[in-house]
Amino acid sequence: KSTWEFDADVFVITHSTTISKNYEAVIHCGCTRQTAKIVSITGVLRAGCRGRVRFRYKYRPEFIRQGDRIIFREGKTKGMGNVMDIYSEISTTNDSEDNPISTSSI
């Protein structure tokens, strides 16, 4: 089953400043690649730090499995990690305009 959100334990290899909530990067997981946004994070991440983050895909759900390896990148920023949890429902921690499957009429 495909998912919009997942938790990952990540390690930041290089980054010039601090990674925090709402940071966006391209996630590579198996043969999938798509931009995802950090919707929750434990503390802040800097180069050389480890932490757990929740990513939300921006454009469409992707098929990933628990234990899959991920790589994320954006500019000179690079990081890697493992998928820890997968969520079938989107959390309601953000505004409706960020919800990729919003039901608002046009």
N, C-alpha and C. Protein backbone atom coordinates (compact mmCIF):
# COMPACT_ATOMS: atom_id res chain seq x y z
N LYS A 1 0.84 -1.18 0.00
CA LYS A 1 0.00 0.00 0.00
C LYS A 1 0.88 1.25 0.00
N SER A 2 0.47 2.24 -0.74
CA SER A 2 1.26 3.48 -0.80
C SER A 2 0.94 4.37 0.40
N THR A 3 1.84 5.29 0.67
CA THR A 3 1.70 6.15 1.84
C THR A 3 2.15 7.57 1.53
N TRP A 4 1.57 8.52 2.24
CA TRP A 4 1.98 9.92 2.15
C TRP A 4 3.05 10.25 3.18
N GLU A 5 3.00 9.62 4.37
CA GLU A 5 3.88 9.98 5.47
C GLU A 5 4.62 8.78 6.02
N PHE A 6 5.84 9.04 6.50
CA PHE A 6 6.61 7.99 7.16
C PHE A 6 7.61 8.62 8.12
N ASP A 7 7.98 7.86 9.13
CA ASP A 7 9.04 8.26 10.07
C ASP A 7 10.33 7.60 9.65
N ALA A 8 11.43 8.32 9.84
CA ALA A 8 12.74 7.77 9.51
C ALA A 8 13.77 8.22 10.53
N ASP A 9 14.68 7.32 10.87
CA ASP A 9 15.87 7.68 11.64
C ASP A 9 16.89 8.13 10.61
N VAL A 10 17.35 9.37 10.71
CA VAL A 10 18.23 9.93 9.70
C VAL A 10 19.56 10.38 10.29
N PHE A 11 20.56 10.43 9.43
CA PHE A 11 21.88 10.95 9.75
C PHE A 11 22.21 12.01 8.71
N VAL A 12 22.51 13.23 9.16
CA VAL A 12 22.83 14.32 8.24
C VAL A 12 24.33 14.28 7.95
N ILE A 13 24.67 14.04 6.69
CA ILE A 13 26.08 13.96 6.30
C ILE A 13 26.66 15.37 6.15
N THR A 14 26.02 16.20 5.34
CA THR A 14 26.47 17.59 5.18
C THR A 14 25.28 18.52 5.15
N HIS A 15 25.41 19.66 5.81
CA HIS A 15 24.42 20.72 5.76
C HIS A 15 25.06 21.96 6.38
N SER A 16 24.84 23.11 5.76
CA SER A 16 25.53 24.32 6.21
C SER A 16 24.91 24.96 7.45
N THR A 17 23.60 24.75 7.66
CA THR A 17 22.94 25.35 8.83
C THR A 17 22.17 24.28 9.59
N THR A 18 21.00 24.63 10.09
CA THR A 18 20.18 23.72 10.88
C THR A 18 18.97 23.26 10.09
N ILE A 19 18.65 21.98 10.18
CA ILE A 19 17.45 21.43 9.56
C ILE A 19 16.36 21.42 10.62
N SER A 20 15.19 21.96 10.28
CA SER A 20 14.08 22.00 11.22
C SER A 20 12.78 21.68 10.48
N LYS A 21 11.67 21.83 11.17
CA LYS A 21 10.35 21.56 10.61
C LYS A 21 10.13 22.40 9.34
N ASN A 22 9.41 21.86 8.38
CA ASN A 22 9.09 22.46 7.08
C ASN A 22 10.25 22.45 6.09
N TYR A 23 11.36 21.83 6.44
CA TYR A 23 12.47 21.67 5.49
C TYR A 23 12.04 20.70 4.40
N GLU A 24 12.38 20.99 3.14
CA GLU A 24 12.02 20.14 2.01
C GLU A 24 13.27 19.63 1.32
N ALA A 25 13.26 18.35 0.95
CA ALA A 25 14.37 17.73 0.25
C ALA A 25 13.82 16.63 -0.66
N VAL A 26 14.63 16.19 -1.60
CA VAL A 26 14.26 15.07 -2.47
C VAL A 26 14.62 13.79 -1.74
N ILE A 27 13.64 12.89 -1.62
CA ILE A 27 13.84 11.60 -0.97
C ILE A 27 14.04 10.54 -2.05
N HIS A 28 15.11 9.76 -1.93
CA HIS A 28 15.35 8.61 -2.80
C HIS A 28 15.17 7.36 -1.95
N CYS A 29 14.26 6.50 -2.36
CA CYS A 29 13.99 5.26 -1.63
C CYS A 29 13.73 4.17 -2.67
N GLY A 30 14.68 3.27 -2.84
CA GLY A 30 14.54 2.27 -3.90
C GLY A 30 14.53 2.96 -5.25
N CYS A 31 13.51 2.71 -6.04
CA CYS A 31 13.43 3.35 -7.36
C CYS A 31 12.54 4.59 -7.35
N THR A 32 12.09 5.02 -6.18
CA THR A 32 11.25 6.22 -6.11
C THR A 32 12.08 7.43 -5.74
N ARG A 33 11.68 8.58 -6.24
CA ARG A 33 12.29 9.85 -5.86
C ARG A 33 11.21 10.92 -5.94
N GLN A 34 11.11 11.69 -4.86
CA GLN A 34 10.10 12.73 -4.79
C GLN A 34 10.44 13.70 -3.67
N THR A 35 10.01 14.94 -3.82
CA THR A 35 10.21 15.93 -2.77
C THR A 35 9.31 15.61 -1.59
N ALA A 36 9.85 15.73 -0.41
CA ALA A 36 9.09 15.53 0.82
C ALA A 36 9.44 16.64 1.79
N LYS A 37 8.52 16.87 2.70
CA LYS A 37 8.65 17.94 3.69
C LYS A 37 8.73 17.31 5.08
N ILE A 38 9.54 17.87 5.95
CA ILE A 38 9.59 17.41 7.34
C ILE A 38 8.42 18.04 8.07
N VAL A 39 7.51 17.21 8.58
CA VAL A 39 6.34 17.73 9.29
C VAL A 39 6.49 17.63 10.80
N SER A 40 7.40 16.78 11.26
CA SER A 40 7.73 16.78 12.69
C SER A 40 9.16 16.28 12.85
N ILE A 41 9.79 16.75 13.91
CA ILE A 41 11.20 16.44 14.13
C ILE A 41 11.47 16.47 15.62
N THR A 42 12.38 15.62 16.06
CA THR A 42 12.79 15.65 17.47
C THR A 42 14.00 16.55 17.58
N GLY A 43 13.82 17.76 18.07
CA GLY A 43 14.91 18.73 18.18
C GLY A 43 15.25 19.33 16.84
N VAL A 44 16.53 19.62 16.63
CA VAL A 44 17.01 20.15 15.35
C VAL A 44 18.17 19.27 14.89
N LEU A 45 18.42 19.28 13.60
CA LEU A 45 19.51 18.48 13.04
C LEU A 45 20.55 19.38 12.40
N ARG A 46 21.80 19.05 12.64
CA ARG A 46 22.93 19.72 11.99
C ARG A 46 23.81 18.65 11.38
N ALA A 47 24.82 19.05 10.64
CA ALA A 47 25.74 18.09 10.03
C ALA A 47 26.36 17.21 11.12
N GLY A 48 26.34 15.90 10.88
CA GLY A 48 26.89 14.95 11.84
C GLY A 48 25.91 14.49 12.90
N CYS A 49 24.67 15.00 12.89
CA CYS A 49 23.67 14.64 13.90
C CYS A 49 22.74 13.54 13.40
N ARG A 50 22.19 12.81 14.36
CA ARG A 50 21.16 11.80 14.08
C ARG A 50 19.87 12.24 14.73
N GLY A 51 18.74 11.80 14.15
CA GLY A 51 17.45 12.11 14.74
C GLY A 51 16.33 11.41 14.02
N ARG A 52 15.14 11.52 14.57
CA ARG A 52 13.96 10.92 13.95
C ARG A 52 13.08 12.05 13.42
N VAL A 53 12.68 11.90 12.17
CA VAL A 53 11.84 12.90 11.52
C VAL A 53 10.65 12.22 10.86
N ARG A 54 9.58 12.98 10.66
CA ARG A 54 8.44 12.49 9.89
C ARG A 54 8.40 13.27 8.58
N PHE A 55 8.49 12.55 7.47
CA PHE A 55 8.43 13.14 6.14
C PHE A 55 7.03 12.98 5.58
N ARG A 56 6.58 13.97 4.79
CA ARG A 56 5.33 13.89 4.04
C ARG A 56 5.64 14.19 2.58
N TYR A 57 5.29 13.25 1.71
CA TYR A 57 5.48 13.47 0.27
C TYR A 57 4.62 14.62 -0.21
N LYS A 58 5.12 15.38 -1.20
CA LYS A 58 4.41 16.57 -1.67
C LYS A 58 3.38 16.29 -2.75
N TYR A 59 3.66 15.38 -3.67
CA TYR A 59 2.86 15.29 -4.88
C TYR A 59 1.98 14.05 -5.00
N ARG A 60 2.44 12.91 -4.53
CA ARG A 60 1.66 11.67 -4.63
C ARG A 60 2.19 10.68 -3.59
N PRO A 61 1.36 9.74 -3.20
CA PRO A 61 1.85 8.72 -2.26
C PRO A 61 2.84 7.78 -2.97
N GLU A 62 3.74 7.19 -2.21
CA GLU A 62 4.72 6.26 -2.75
C GLU A 62 4.67 4.95 -1.97
N PHE A 63 5.07 3.88 -2.64
CA PHE A 63 5.13 2.58 -1.99
C PHE A 63 6.50 2.41 -1.36
N ILE A 64 6.54 2.39 -0.03
CA ILE A 64 7.77 2.13 0.71
C ILE A 64 7.45 1.15 1.83
N ARG A 65 8.48 0.51 2.33
CA ARG A 65 8.29 -0.47 3.40
C ARG A 65 9.14 -0.11 4.60
N GLN A 66 8.71 -0.56 5.74
CA GLN A 66 9.48 -0.37 6.96
C GLN A 66 10.83 -1.05 6.79
N GLY A 67 11.91 -0.36 7.16
CA GLY A 67 13.25 -0.91 7.02
C GLY A 67 13.96 -0.50 5.74
N ASP A 68 13.24 0.10 4.78
CA ASP A 68 13.87 0.57 3.55
C ASP A 68 14.88 1.67 3.87
N ARG A 69 15.94 1.72 3.08
CA ARG A 69 16.94 2.78 3.23
C ARG A 69 16.52 3.99 2.39
N ILE A 70 16.78 5.18 2.92
CA ILE A 70 16.49 6.40 2.16
C ILE A 70 17.75 7.25 2.09
N ILE A 71 17.78 8.08 1.06
CA ILE A 71 18.78 9.13 0.92
C ILE A 71 18.00 10.41 0.68
N PHE A 72 18.36 11.50 1.34
CA PHE A 72 17.72 12.77 1.04
C PHE A 72 18.78 13.78 0.66
N ARG A 73 18.41 14.68 -0.26
CA ARG A 73 19.36 15.67 -0.76
C ARG A 73 18.64 16.94 -1.15
N GLU A 74 19.36 18.04 -1.08
CA GLU A 74 18.84 19.34 -1.49
C GLU A 74 20.04 20.27 -1.54
N GLY A 75 20.42 20.70 -2.76
CA GLY A 75 21.62 21.52 -2.91
C GLY A 75 22.84 20.73 -2.45
N LYS A 76 23.61 21.30 -1.52
CA LYS A 76 24.79 20.60 -1.00
C LYS A 76 24.46 19.72 0.21
N THR A 77 23.21 19.75 0.65
CA THR A 77 22.79 18.95 1.80
C THR A 77 22.61 17.50 1.39
N LYS A 78 23.14 16.60 2.22
CA LYS A 78 22.98 15.18 1.96
C LYS A 78 22.77 14.46 3.29
N GLY A 79 21.91 13.45 3.25
CA GLY A 79 21.66 12.66 4.45
C GLY A 79 21.16 11.29 4.07
N MET A 80 21.13 10.40 5.04
CA MET A 80 20.67 9.03 4.80
C MET A 80 19.95 8.53 6.03
N GLY A 81 19.21 7.44 5.87
CA GLY A 81 18.49 6.90 7.01
C GLY A 81 17.71 5.66 6.67
N ASN A 82 16.89 5.24 7.61
CA ASN A 82 16.05 4.05 7.46
C ASN A 82 14.61 4.41 7.80
N VAL A 83 13.67 3.84 7.05
CA VAL A 83 12.25 4.02 7.32
C VAL A 83 11.90 3.20 8.56
N MET A 84 11.31 3.86 9.55
CA MET A 84 10.97 3.18 10.80
C MET A 84 9.48 2.88 10.91
N ASP A 85 8.63 3.83 10.57
CA ASP A 85 7.18 3.65 10.66
C ASP A 85 6.53 4.22 9.41
N ILE A 86 5.41 3.61 9.03
CA ILE A 86 4.65 4.06 7.87
C ILE A 86 3.24 4.39 8.35
N TYR A 87 2.67 5.49 7.83
CA TYR A 87 1.35 5.92 8.24
C TYR A 87 0.40 5.88 7.06
N SER A 88 -0.75 5.23 7.26
CA SER A 88 -1.73 5.15 6.18
C SER A 88 -2.62 6.39 6.14
N GLU A 89 -2.72 7.10 7.24
CA GLU A 89 -3.51 8.32 7.30
C GLU A 89 -2.58 9.51 7.48
N ILE A 90 -2.94 10.63 6.90
CA ILE A 90 -2.15 11.85 7.03
C ILE A 90 -2.46 12.49 8.37
N SER A 91 -1.41 12.91 9.09
CA SER A 91 -1.63 13.58 10.37
C SER A 91 -2.23 14.96 10.14
N THR A 92 -2.89 15.47 11.14
CA THR A 92 -3.55 16.77 11.02
C THR A 92 -2.76 17.84 11.75
N THR A 93 -1.42 17.76 11.67
CA THR A 93 -0.58 18.72 12.38
C THR A 93 -0.35 19.99 11.61
N ASN A 94 -0.88 20.08 10.38
CA ASN A 94 -0.64 21.30 9.59
C ASN A 94 -1.94 21.85 9.04
N ASP A 95 -1.86 22.97 8.34
CA ASP A 95 -3.03 23.61 7.76
C ASP A 95 -3.54 22.84 6.56
N SER A 96 -4.80 23.08 6.20
CA SER A 96 -5.42 22.34 5.11
C SER A 96 -4.79 22.65 3.76
N GLU A 97 -4.19 23.83 3.57
CA GLU A 97 -3.59 24.13 2.27
C GLU A 97 -2.34 23.30 2.01
N ASP A 98 -1.71 22.75 3.06
CA ASP A 98 -0.57 21.87 2.87
C ASP A 98 -0.97 20.42 2.63
N ASN A 99 -2.23 20.10 2.90
CA ASN A 99 -2.71 18.72 2.77
C ASN A 99 -2.79 18.36 1.30
N PRO A 100 -2.02 17.37 0.84
CA PRO A 100 -1.99 17.03 -0.57
C PRO A 100 -3.29 16.43 -1.08
N ILE A 101 -4.18 15.96 -0.19
CA ILE A 101 -5.44 15.41 -0.67
C ILE A 101 -6.61 16.20 -0.09
N SER A 102 -6.46 17.49 -0.07
CA SER A 102 -7.50 18.36 0.45
C SER A 102 -8.76 18.25 -0.40
N THR A 103 -9.91 18.32 0.23
CA THR A 103 -11.18 18.15 -0.48
C THR A 103 -11.89 19.47 -0.73
N SER A 104 -11.16 20.58 -0.65
CA SER A 104 -11.78 21.87 -0.88
C SER A 104 -12.19 22.02 -2.34
N SER A 105 -13.31 22.69 -2.58
CA SER A 105 -13.79 22.86 -3.96
C SER A 105 -13.00 23.97 -4.66
N ILE A 106 -12.98 23.87 -5.96
CA ILE A 106 -12.22 24.84 -6.77
C ILE A 106 -13.12 25.95 -7.23
